[in-house]
Amino acid sequence: EARSRVGGRVHTLRDGFECAVELGAMLITGMEQNPLAVLGVEQLGCHAHNVVESCVLRDAKTGDVLEGNLDALAEKYYNQTLEQTAADRKKYKESETLSLGQIFQATLDA
């Protein structure tokens, strides 16, 4: 999943589009009566894996479950990063046309 750019499998495509188009991984929240879930899973036959609150983090190399405190620490930093990214988005006058990945990268570069 790792890439030399922010986003892993997720990638922002801008060429030929008026706005940013996000490609790659997808998380659909609320599977019941969600048109995206119906289209993707039922009509197109895409695989869906239910993510639950108790989903654990695993070591990328070994697959071992990480200790609970590391999971909590990773979640804390993840949430702080999202909050900072949301706050930073307000700094850009063109924020409506910037993708979350672009704002996130700018936050990391700052």
Protein backbone atom coordinates (compact mmCIF):
# COMPACT_ATOMS: atom_id res chain seq x y z
CA GLU A 1 0.00 0.00 0.00
CA ALA A 2 2.89 2.39 0.62
CA ARG A 3 3.81 4.88 -2.08
CA SER A 4 6.32 7.69 -2.36
CA ARG A 5 3.36 10.05 -2.21
CA VAL A 6 0.65 10.55 0.40
CA GLY A 7 -2.39 8.33 -0.05
CA GLY A 8 -1.19 4.76 -0.64
CA ARG A 9 -3.70 3.19 -3.02
CA VAL A 10 -5.74 6.39 -3.06
CA HIS A 11 -4.73 8.81 -5.79
CA THR A 12 -6.11 12.15 -6.93
CA LEU A 13 -6.61 12.52 -10.67
CA ARG A 14 -6.84 16.07 -11.99
CA ASP A 15 -6.00 15.77 -15.69
CA GLY A 16 -8.94 16.55 -17.91
CA PHE A 17 -11.36 17.18 -15.05
CA GLU A 18 -12.79 20.40 -13.71
CA CYS A 19 -12.48 19.11 -10.15
CA ALA A 20 -10.36 16.50 -8.36
CA VAL A 21 -11.35 12.85 -8.83
CA GLU A 22 -10.31 10.46 -6.06
CA LEU A 23 -9.28 6.97 -7.17
CA GLY A 24 -8.38 3.85 -5.22
CA ALA A 25 -9.55 2.58 -1.87
CA MET A 26 -13.09 3.30 -0.79
CA LEU A 27 -14.85 3.27 2.52
CA ILE A 28 -18.62 3.30 2.36
CA THR A 29 -20.31 4.27 5.59
CA GLY A 30 -23.81 3.01 6.20
CA MET A 31 -24.22 -0.05 3.99
CA GLU A 32 -27.96 -0.45 4.49
CA GLN A 33 -30.02 1.38 1.86
CA ASN A 34 -26.92 3.20 0.59
CA PRO A 35 -27.02 3.63 -3.22
CA LEU A 36 -23.22 3.28 -3.44
CA ALA A 37 -23.37 -0.02 -1.57
CA VAL A 38 -26.19 -1.25 -3.80
CA LEU A 39 -24.28 -0.27 -6.96
CA GLY A 40 -20.90 -1.56 -5.86
CA VAL A 41 -21.74 -4.72 -3.98
CA GLU A 42 -25.07 -5.88 -5.35
CA GLN A 43 -24.96 -4.71 -8.97
CA LEU A 44 -21.23 -4.77 -9.78
CA GLY A 45 -20.32 -7.62 -7.44
CA CYS A 46 -17.50 -5.76 -5.68
CA HIS A 47 -16.22 -7.27 -2.46
CA ALA A 48 -17.17 -5.48 0.74
CA HIS A 49 -15.65 -6.04 4.15
CA ASN A 50 -17.48 -4.73 7.18
CA VAL A 51 -15.30 -2.54 9.36
CA VAL A 52 -16.31 -2.50 12.98
CA GLU A 53 -15.23 -0.29 15.86
CA SER A 54 -13.09 -3.06 17.32
CA CYS A 55 -10.97 -3.37 14.15
CA VAL A 56 -7.35 -3.87 15.23
CA LEU A 57 -4.11 -2.62 13.70
CA ARG A 58 -1.65 -5.18 12.36
CA ASP A 59 2.07 -5.03 11.72
CA ALA A 60 2.54 -4.50 7.97
CA LYS A 61 5.41 -7.01 7.76
CA THR A 62 4.38 -9.79 10.14
CA GLY A 63 0.60 -9.44 10.26
CA ASP A 64 0.74 -9.62 14.05
CA VAL A 65 -1.87 -7.64 15.99
CA LEU A 66 -0.32 -4.52 17.52
CA GLU A 67 -0.58 -3.90 21.25
CA GLY A 68 -3.67 -1.95 22.31
CA ASN A 69 -1.71 1.10 23.39
CA LEU A 70 -0.08 1.37 19.94
CA ASP A 71 -3.49 1.11 18.30
CA ALA A 72 -4.83 3.88 20.54
CA LEU A 73 -1.75 6.04 19.91
CA ALA A 74 -2.04 5.59 16.13
CA GLU A 75 -5.73 6.52 16.29
CA LYS A 76 -4.90 9.62 18.35
CA TYR A 77 -2.30 10.82 15.83
CA TYR A 78 -4.57 9.97 12.90
CA ASN A 79 -7.42 12.01 14.37
CA GLN A 80 -5.09 14.92 15.20
CA THR A 81 -3.79 14.87 11.63
CA LEU A 82 -7.33 14.93 10.20
CA GLU A 83 -8.28 17.82 12.50
CA GLN A 84 -5.16 19.78 11.50
CA THR A 85 -5.80 19.04 7.81
CA ALA A 86 -9.38 20.32 8.14
CA ALA A 87 -8.12 23.48 9.86
CA ASP A 88 -5.39 23.96 7.24
CA ARG A 89 -7.92 23.66 4.43
CA LYS A 90 -9.34 27.04 5.49
CA LYS A 91 -5.96 28.66 4.75
CA TYR A 92 -6.26 28.09 1.00
CA LYS A 93 -8.50 30.32 -1.08
CA GLU A 94 -8.75 27.54 -3.70
CA SER A 95 -9.70 24.96 -1.04
CA GLU A 96 -12.90 23.98 -2.87
CA THR A 97 -10.85 22.58 -5.74
CA LEU A 98 -8.08 20.98 -3.66
CA SER A 99 -8.37 17.35 -2.68
CA LEU A 100 -7.99 16.12 0.87
CA GLY A 101 -4.72 14.49 -0.22
CA GLN A 102 -3.33 17.81 -1.46
CA ILE A 103 -4.25 19.58 1.78
CA PHE A 104 -2.82 16.68 3.79
CA GLN A 105 0.44 16.81 1.84
CA ALA A 106 0.68 20.57 2.38
CA THR A 107 0.11 19.99 6.11
CA LEU A 108 2.92 17.43 6.19
CA ASP A 109 5.25 19.72 4.22
CA ALA A 110 4.66 22.67 6.57
